[in-house]
Amino acid sequence: MNIEFMRFIDRCVGSLVCFIFSFINSLHSLFSKKQISIKKILFIELSEMGSTILGFPMFMEVKSGYPDADLHFLTFHKNRCAVDILSFFRTENIWTLNNDTLCSFLLNTIKLVKIYRKIGVDTVIIMEPFSRFTVIFSKLCGINRIVGFTAHNMEGLYMGNLLTHPVPFNSSIHMKDNYIALFRSLSITDISSFYIKQPVSNVDNFIPLWKTSKDSLDSIRQKLKKYHHTFNNNYKIILLKVGGGLLPTRKWPLDNFIALAKKMLSSENICICIVGLEEDEHDAKIIKEILNTSLCINLTGKTSINELMDLFNLADLLITNDGGPAHFASMTTIPSIVFFGPETPALFKPLSKNCYPLYSKFYCSPCLSVFNKRKTDCMDNVCIKNIQVETVFELALDILSKNS
């Protein structure tokens, strides 16, 4: 489904349903249940692959705090790969929701409601801030304990009183820490307030390291040789992710990527690989045609998620717009340069010591936030365009020299 249509449904239909369900809640009738122990926990993060990776420290804390609990995860079907690569949840506990069409979405939702009622999920942690659908869905599933973000006293973003553990979202701390606050709310006994009145703990930015076998590395090398016959181990591999995904305003200009690739290729033993999904193919072909060299390899739509992770472990540098691949890379050894502008690294920087965010601190930035459903009227992302090619080039050379 189109993202604008999904926002419309969530805003118009979701608000009305939240009001109705909240009225029923207030009467302590249909959905009123006695608090029970935590045995089955469902995490919901439908639309953001990167946020799934950022949630890993929270997953570890939940597992430590409730070692006997059965952990489940729900995401959109197209985003399942982000859950799979974590190797944290049991395969049979990873659930997906098909949102290709409204009909498939509704049918799949009904099916999942029946499943969760049958298996008896008692706790849900909603990772998506202010999502009315996920709150309503949790109520329909009969889930006793619903943890999620609240805007507290801010106007708008109405979700009624459906959250049993409403945690105020804090835009001044990293998303990793916001997620940990959701977990910490489970231990609060005073249900009149879910302010997490604890210092932000120095929780390690631990995320699992993707392990690549020698055979897998050899397979990736053979794949590269298929497109560049003289490729060998002496080449430094620079990966470019040029697409902006669902939020094109996050894209660094294509002309900048082209100019950067030309400068990189002026150095010896450099090989450029363009990675991404099939929808990035158009931009990748333009870069390939303009560079007109076998040292530029177009791999958009030609790698599985496992192959992409293995490629990250083989390559020397990733240069990318903010998005899922930047967070996937944090699970590997590759250093990355990540462009921010409409969103801020203060909230969404990947959990890697090898990540180098570039961010222009404009007065209007960030304009995408959880409070506006990540929607902006800006048609000219100057905050991204302000990141100069020369700045990126010099940083890239510095990183390569340090790791040589």
Protein backbone atom coordinates (compact mmCIF):
# COMPACT_ATOMS: atom_id res chain seq x y z
CA MET A 1 0.00 0.00 0.00
CA ASN A 2 1.03 3.58 -0.62
CA ILE A 3 2.58 5.19 2.46
CA GLU A 4 0.31 8.26 2.19
CA PHE A 5 -2.77 6.02 2.13
CA MET A 6 -1.52 4.16 5.20
CA ARG A 7 -1.02 7.48 7.02
CA PHE A 8 -4.52 8.58 6.04
CA ILE A 9 -6.12 5.38 7.34
CA ASP A 10 -4.13 5.56 10.58
CA ARG A 11 -5.10 9.19 11.16
CA CYS A 12 -8.79 9.10 10.23
CA VAL A 13 -9.98 5.56 10.92
CA GLY A 14 -7.40 4.89 13.65
CA SER A 15 -8.38 7.93 15.73
CA LEU A 16 -12.06 6.97 15.67
CA VAL A 17 -11.39 3.35 16.62
CA CYS A 18 -9.04 4.46 19.42
CA PHE A 19 -11.81 6.68 20.80
CA ILE A 20 -14.36 3.85 20.74
CA PHE A 21 -11.98 1.36 22.32
CA SER A 22 -10.95 3.91 24.95
CA PHE A 23 -14.59 4.45 25.91
CA ILE A 24 -15.00 0.69 26.38
CA ASN A 25 -11.76 0.64 28.37
CA SER A 26 -13.10 3.31 30.69
CA LEU A 27 -16.15 1.21 31.43
CA HIS A 28 -13.91 -1.70 32.42
CA SER A 29 -15.98 -4.06 30.38
CA LEU A 30 -15.02 -5.87 27.18
CA PHE A 31 -11.24 -5.49 27.34
CA SER A 32 -10.78 -5.27 31.10
CA LYS A 33 -8.41 -7.97 32.41
CA LYS A 34 -6.54 -8.73 35.57
CA GLN A 35 -2.77 -8.25 35.30
CA ILE A 36 -1.00 -11.56 34.72
CA SER A 37 2.63 -12.60 34.76
CA ILE A 38 4.85 -11.97 31.75
CA LYS A 39 5.24 -15.17 29.75
CA LYS A 40 4.82 -14.28 26.08
CA ILE A 41 6.17 -10.96 24.75
CA LEU A 42 5.48 -9.61 21.28
CA PHE A 43 7.62 -6.85 19.75
CA ILE A 44 6.07 -4.86 16.90
CA GLU A 45 8.15 -2.83 14.44
CA LEU A 46 6.36 -2.88 11.11
CA SER A 47 7.92 -0.34 8.79
CA GLU A 48 11.51 0.42 9.79
CA MET A 49 14.30 -2.12 9.24
CA GLY A 50 16.94 0.10 10.81
CA SER A 51 14.92 0.52 13.99
CA THR A 52 14.81 -3.26 14.37
CA ILE A 53 18.62 -3.28 14.58
CA LEU A 54 18.59 -0.34 17.00
CA GLY A 55 16.27 -2.31 19.24
CA PHE A 56 18.76 -5.13 19.83
CA PRO A 57 20.14 -3.80 23.17
CA MET A 58 16.53 -3.71 24.41
CA PHE A 59 15.93 -7.28 23.21
CA MET A 60 18.95 -8.38 25.23
CA GLU A 61 17.69 -6.59 28.36
CA VAL A 62 14.26 -8.18 27.97
CA LYS A 63 15.84 -11.62 27.62
CA SER A 64 17.94 -10.98 30.71
CA GLY A 65 15.02 -9.62 32.73
CA TYR A 66 12.56 -12.31 31.65
CA PRO A 67 14.72 -15.32 30.73
CA ASP A 68 11.77 -17.72 30.63
CA ALA A 69 9.54 -15.54 28.48
CA ASP A 70 8.67 -16.61 24.94
CA LEU A 71 9.70 -13.77 22.60
CA HIS A 72 7.92 -13.00 19.32
CA PHE A 73 8.38 -10.33 16.62
CA LEU A 74 5.95 -8.85 14.08
CA THR A 75 7.00 -6.82 11.04
CA PHE A 76 5.94 -6.17 7.46
CA HIS A 77 6.73 -9.07 5.15
CA LYS A 78 9.23 -7.06 3.09
CA ASN A 79 11.17 -6.14 6.24
CA ARG A 80 11.56 -9.63 7.68
CA CYS A 81 15.22 -9.82 6.59
CA ALA A 82 16.14 -7.26 9.28
CA VAL A 83 14.80 -9.60 11.96
CA ASP A 84 16.36 -12.70 10.41
CA ILE A 85 19.91 -11.37 10.35
CA LEU A 86 19.82 -10.67 14.09
CA SER A 87 19.48 -14.43 14.74
CA PHE A 88 17.81 -13.55 18.04
CA PHE A 89 14.21 -14.72 17.64
CA ARG A 90 13.24 -18.29 16.90
CA THR A 91 12.20 -18.65 13.27
CA GLU A 92 8.71 -19.84 14.19
CA ASN A 93 8.28 -16.75 16.41
CA ILE A 94 8.89 -14.25 13.59
CA TRP A 95 5.57 -13.13 12.14
CA THR A 96 4.97 -10.98 9.08
CA LEU A 97 2.13 -8.79 7.89
CA ASN A 98 1.45 -8.47 4.17
CA ASN A 99 0.71 -4.84 3.26
CA ASP A 100 0.86 -5.12 -0.53
CA THR A 101 -2.86 -4.38 -0.85
CA LEU A 102 -5.58 -3.29 1.56
CA CYS A 103 -7.36 -6.63 1.14
CA SER A 104 -4.27 -8.73 1.91
CA PHE A 105 -3.47 -6.42 4.83
CA LEU A 106 -6.92 -6.86 6.42
CA LEU A 107 -7.05 -10.62 5.86
CA ASN A 108 -3.54 -11.07 7.27
CA THR A 109 -4.44 -8.90 10.26
CA ILE A 110 -7.48 -11.03 11.08
CA LYS A 111 -5.38 -14.19 10.79
CA LEU A 112 -2.74 -12.85 13.18
CA VAL A 113 -5.36 -11.69 15.70
CA LYS A 114 -6.68 -15.26 15.84
CA ILE A 115 -3.16 -16.68 16.23
CA TYR A 116 -2.12 -14.32 19.05
CA ARG A 117 -5.37 -14.93 20.91
CA LYS A 118 -4.81 -18.67 20.60
CA ILE A 119 -1.19 -18.69 21.81
CA GLY A 120 -1.96 -16.20 24.59
CA VAL A 121 0.44 -13.28 24.10
CA ASP A 122 0.25 -11.31 27.36
CA THR A 123 2.65 -8.41 26.69
CA VAL A 124 3.37 -6.30 23.62
CA ILE A 125 6.15 -3.73 23.21
CA ILE A 126 5.29 -1.38 20.35
CA MET A 127 8.50 0.05 18.93
CA GLU A 128 6.80 2.39 16.44
CA PRO A 129 6.01 5.72 18.12
CA PHE A 130 2.36 6.82 18.02
CA SER A 131 1.11 4.08 15.70
CA ARG A 132 -2.63 3.76 16.21
CA PHE A 133 -2.92 0.58 14.16
CA THR A 134 -0.52 -1.37 16.34
CA VAL A 135 -2.31 -0.28 19.53
CA ILE A 136 -5.72 -1.23 18.11
CA PHE A 137 -4.29 -4.50 16.82
CA SER A 138 -2.92 -5.29 20.28
CA LYS A 139 -6.33 -4.69 21.83
CA LEU A 140 -8.03 -6.93 19.28
CA CYS A 141 -5.51 -9.64 20.17
CA GLY A 142 -6.65 -9.42 23.79
CA ILE A 143 -3.14 -8.57 24.97
CA ASN A 144 -3.18 -7.66 28.65
CA ARG A 145 -0.12 -5.40 28.82
CA ILE A 146 0.51 -2.83 26.04
CA VAL A 147 3.76 -0.87 26.19
CA GLY A 148 4.32 2.02 23.81
CA PHE A 149 5.34 5.63 23.35
CA THR A 150 3.07 8.51 24.28
CA ALA A 151 3.29 12.18 23.36
CA HIS A 152 2.17 12.94 26.93
CA ASN A 153 0.72 16.49 26.98
CA MET A 154 1.44 17.33 23.34
CA GLU A 155 -1.51 18.12 21.10
CA GLY A 156 -2.51 15.58 18.50
CA LEU A 157 -1.21 12.02 18.07
CA TYR A 158 -4.34 10.77 19.81
CA MET A 159 -4.36 7.10 20.84
CA GLY A 160 -6.87 7.25 23.69
CA ASN A 161 -6.11 5.33 26.86
CA LEU A 162 -5.25 2.03 25.17
CA LEU A 163 -1.63 1.89 26.33
CA THR A 164 -1.30 0.25 29.74
CA HIS A 165 2.33 1.43 29.92
CA PRO A 166 2.48 4.84 28.15
CA VAL A 167 6.13 5.90 28.06
CA PRO A 168 6.83 9.55 27.08
CA PHE A 169 8.96 9.65 23.93
CA ASN A 170 12.21 11.56 24.44
CA SER A 171 13.56 13.15 21.26
CA SER A 172 16.74 14.21 23.09
CA ILE A 173 18.13 10.70 23.54
CA HIS A 174 19.05 7.99 21.06
CA MET A 175 16.35 5.58 19.84
CA LYS A 176 18.26 2.73 21.47
CA ASP A 177 17.70 4.40 24.85
CA ASN A 178 14.07 5.17 24.08
CA TYR A 179 13.53 1.48 23.40
CA ILE A 180 15.22 0.54 26.66
CA ALA A 181 12.83 2.93 28.43
CA LEU A 182 9.94 0.86 27.06
CA PHE A 183 11.41 -2.24 28.70
CA ARG A 184 12.13 -0.45 31.99
CA SER A 185 8.46 0.59 32.23
CA LEU A 186 7.51 -3.05 32.83
CA SER A 187 9.05 -2.88 36.29
CA ILE A 188 7.17 0.26 37.37
CA THR A 189 4.48 -0.48 39.94
CA ASP A 190 2.95 3.03 40.07
CA ILE A 191 0.65 2.84 37.06
CA SER A 192 -0.32 6.51 37.44
CA SER A 193 2.98 7.58 35.88
CA PHE A 194 5.35 5.88 33.48
CA TYR A 195 8.06 8.49 33.54
CA ILE A 196 11.26 6.45 33.67
CA LYS A 197 12.89 8.36 36.52
CA GLN A 198 16.28 6.74 36.13
CA PRO A 199 19.50 8.06 34.59
CA VAL A 200 20.06 6.93 31.01
CA SER A 201 22.28 3.94 31.65
CA ASN A 202 25.47 3.32 29.73
CA VAL A 203 24.05 0.25 28.05
CA ASP A 204 26.60 -1.17 25.67
CA ASN A 205 25.80 -0.60 21.99
CA PHE A 206 26.16 -4.33 21.57
CA ILE A 207 24.74 -5.84 18.43
CA PRO A 208 25.57 -9.28 17.02
CA LEU A 209 28.48 -9.52 14.60
CA TRP A 210 27.64 -11.11 11.28
CA LYS A 211 30.04 -13.96 10.64
CA THR A 212 31.13 -14.69 7.09
CA SER A 213 32.76 -17.98 6.19
CA LYS A 214 35.72 -18.29 3.84
CA ASP A 215 33.48 -20.01 1.28
CA SER A 216 31.02 -17.11 1.43
CA LEU A 217 33.81 -14.57 0.91
CA ASP A 218 35.08 -16.58 -2.07
CA SER A 219 31.55 -16.65 -3.46
CA ILE A 220 31.29 -12.86 -3.22
CA ARG A 221 34.67 -12.47 -4.92
CA GLN A 222 33.50 -14.69 -7.77
CA LYS A 223 30.37 -12.59 -8.09
CA LEU A 224 32.50 -9.46 -8.43
CA LYS A 225 34.75 -11.14 -11.00
CA LYS A 226 31.67 -11.89 -13.06
CA TYR A 227 31.27 -8.14 -13.63
CA HIS A 228 34.96 -7.17 -13.50
CA HIS A 229 37.13 -9.97 -14.87
CA THR A 230 40.44 -8.65 -13.56
CA PHE A 231 39.15 -8.10 -10.01
CA ASN A 232 41.59 -9.30 -7.35
CA ASN A 233 42.27 -8.96 -3.64
CA ASN A 234 44.40 -5.86 -4.14
CA TYR A 235 41.37 -3.72 -4.91
CA LYS A 236 39.77 -1.62 -2.20
CA ILE A 237 36.01 -2.02 -2.50
CA ILE A 238 33.87 1.10 -1.99
CA LEU A 239 30.14 0.46 -1.68
CA LEU A 240 27.63 3.14 -2.63
CA LYS A 241 23.99 2.99 -1.54
CA VAL A 242 22.34 5.77 -3.53
CA GLY A 243 18.62 5.13 -2.92
CA GLY A 244 16.49 6.92 -0.33
CA GLY A 245 13.93 4.18 0.21
CA LEU A 246 10.45 5.28 1.28
CA LEU A 247 11.77 8.73 2.21
CA PRO A 248 13.48 10.20 -0.89
CA THR A 249 14.12 13.47 0.92
CA ARG A 250 16.99 11.64 2.68
CA LYS A 251 18.84 11.16 -0.63
CA TRP A 252 22.20 12.79 -1.26
CA PRO A 253 22.05 14.12 -4.87
CA LEU A 254 22.86 11.57 -7.57
CA ASP A 255 25.26 14.06 -9.20
CA ASN A 256 27.21 14.13 -5.94
CA PHE A 257 27.51 10.35 -5.89
CA ILE A 258 28.76 10.46 -9.48
CA ALA A 259 31.30 13.17 -8.72
CA LEU A 260 32.47 11.28 -5.65
CA ALA A 261 32.81 8.01 -7.58
CA LYS A 262 34.94 9.77 -10.21
CA LYS A 263 37.27 11.14 -7.54
CA MET A 264 37.51 7.77 -5.82
CA LEU A 265 38.34 6.00 -9.07
CA SER A 266 41.16 8.47 -9.71
CA SER A 267 43.03 6.65 -6.95
CA GLU A 268 44.75 3.33 -7.68
CA ASN A 269 43.16 -0.05 -6.97
CA ILE A 270 39.70 1.28 -6.20
CA CYS A 271 36.58 -0.61 -7.21
CA ILE A 272 33.12 0.96 -6.85
CA CYS A 273 30.12 -1.28 -6.17
CA ILE A 274 26.58 0.12 -6.16
CA VAL A 275 24.27 -1.80 -3.85
CA GLY A 276 20.57 -1.54 -3.12
CA LEU A 277 17.14 -2.83 -3.98
CA GLU A 278 15.58 -3.20 -7.42
CA GLU A 279 13.98 0.24 -7.10
CA ASP A 280 17.51 1.72 -6.96
CA GLU A 281 18.33 0.22 -10.37
CA HIS A 282 17.51 3.37 -12.35
CA ASP A 283 19.98 5.56 -10.45
CA ALA A 284 22.60 2.81 -10.46
CA LYS A 285 22.40 2.48 -14.25
CA ILE A 286 22.92 6.23 -14.66
CA ILE A 287 26.07 6.12 -12.51
CA LYS A 288 27.35 3.06 -14.37
CA GLU A 289 26.76 4.62 -17.78
CA ILE A 290 28.41 7.93 -16.89
CA LEU A 291 31.47 6.33 -15.28
CA ASN A 292 31.74 3.89 -18.19
CA THR A 293 34.29 1.61 -16.55
CA SER A 294 34.41 -2.01 -15.43
CA LEU A 295 35.69 -0.69 -12.10
CA CYS A 296 32.10 0.34 -11.36
CA ILE A 297 29.93 -2.70 -10.64
CA ASN A 298 26.16 -2.45 -10.42
CA LEU A 299 24.86 -4.95 -7.83
CA THR A 300 21.47 -3.34 -7.15
CA GLY A 301 18.85 -6.05 -6.86
CA LYS A 302 21.48 -8.74 -7.43
CA THR A 303 22.31 -9.73 -3.85
CA SER A 304 20.35 -11.52 -1.17
CA ILE A 305 20.45 -10.07 2.35
CA ASN A 306 23.01 -12.71 3.35
CA GLU A 307 25.19 -11.86 0.36
CA LEU A 308 24.93 -8.17 1.19
CA MET A 309 26.11 -8.83 4.74
CA ASP A 310 29.00 -10.93 3.43
CA LEU A 311 29.86 -8.14 0.99
CA PHE A 312 29.96 -5.69 3.89
CA ASN A 313 32.53 -7.92 5.60
CA LEU A 314 34.62 -8.06 2.43
CA ALA A 315 34.43 -4.39 1.38
CA ASP A 316 36.50 -1.51 2.74
CA LEU A 317 33.94 1.31 3.01
CA LEU A 318 30.21 1.96 2.70
CA ILE A 319 28.92 5.40 1.70
CA THR A 320 25.17 5.62 2.12
CA ASN A 321 22.09 7.67 2.80
CA ASP A 322 20.43 7.12 6.16
CA GLY A 323 18.40 3.91 6.07
CA GLY A 324 18.35 0.18 6.67
CA PRO A 325 21.69 -0.74 5.00
CA ALA A 326 23.56 1.70 7.25
CA HIS A 327 22.26 -0.23 10.26
CA PHE A 328 22.90 -3.62 8.66
CA ALA A 329 26.50 -2.54 8.13
CA SER A 330 26.86 -1.88 11.85
CA MET A 331 26.69 -5.65 12.34
CA THR A 332 29.80 -6.13 10.20
CA THR A 333 33.40 -4.93 10.12
CA ILE A 334 32.90 -2.32 7.39
CA PRO A 335 33.31 1.38 8.25
CA SER A 336 30.50 3.59 6.95
CA ILE A 337 29.85 7.20 6.05
CA VAL A 338 26.16 8.00 6.56
CA PHE A 339 24.39 11.15 5.38
CA PHE A 340 21.89 12.79 7.74
CA GLY A 341 19.80 15.95 7.27
CA PRO A 342 16.03 15.48 7.39
CA GLU A 343 16.72 13.17 10.34
CA THR A 344 19.35 13.46 13.04
CA PRO A 345 22.16 11.11 14.08
CA ALA A 346 21.43 12.08 17.69
CA LEU A 347 18.44 9.75 17.40
CA PHE A 348 19.28 7.36 14.58
CA LYS A 349 23.05 6.95 14.34
CA PRO A 350 23.89 3.27 13.69
CA LEU A 351 25.29 1.38 16.67
CA SER A 352 28.81 1.03 15.32
CA LYS A 353 32.10 2.56 16.36
CA ASN A 354 33.02 2.54 12.68
CA CYS A 355 30.14 4.79 11.64
CA TYR A 356 30.95 8.35 10.57
CA PRO A 357 27.75 10.43 10.33
CA LEU A 358 27.80 13.62 8.26
CA TYR A 359 25.16 16.10 9.34
CA SER A 360 24.53 19.76 8.50
CA LYS A 361 22.94 21.43 11.50
CA PHE A 362 20.33 23.56 9.79
CA TYR A 363 17.71 25.45 11.77
CA CYS A 364 15.00 23.40 10.04
CA SER A 365 16.69 20.06 10.60
CA PRO A 366 15.50 17.50 11.45
CA CYS A 367 12.17 18.00 9.69
CA LEU A 368 11.25 14.30 9.79
CA SER A 369 10.26 13.15 13.24
CA VAL A 370 7.99 10.72 15.04
CA PHE A 371 5.78 13.69 15.93
CA ASN A 372 4.89 14.42 12.28
CA LYS A 373 4.78 10.77 11.18
CA ARG A 374 8.04 11.44 9.32
CA LYS A 375 6.30 13.61 6.76
CA THR A 376 7.68 16.92 5.54
CA ASP A 377 6.60 19.59 3.10
CA CYS A 378 10.22 20.30 2.17
CA MET A 379 10.84 19.86 -1.55
CA ASP A 380 14.46 20.96 -1.51
CA ASN A 381 16.67 19.00 0.92
CA VAL A 382 19.42 21.60 1.15
CA CYS A 383 20.51 20.07 4.46
CA ILE A 384 21.67 16.98 2.55
CA LYS A 385 22.90 18.86 -0.50
CA ASN A 386 25.08 20.97 1.79
CA ILE A 387 27.31 17.95 2.44
CA GLN A 388 30.12 18.59 0.00
CA VAL A 389 31.67 15.97 -2.28
CA GLU A 390 35.15 17.07 -1.23
CA THR A 391 34.27 16.60 2.45
CA VAL A 392 33.10 13.05 1.80
CA PHE A 393 36.11 12.28 -0.40
CA GLU A 394 38.64 13.46 2.17
CA LEU A 395 36.89 11.54 4.95
CA ALA A 396 36.79 8.41 2.79
CA LEU A 397 40.53 8.61 2.05
CA ASP A 398 41.25 9.13 5.73
CA ILE A 399 39.22 6.06 6.69
CA LEU A 400 40.86 3.93 3.99
CA SER A 401 44.34 5.01 5.04
CA LYS A 402 43.63 4.16 8.68
CA ASN A 403 42.40 0.71 7.77
CA SER A 404 45.06 -0.12 5.19
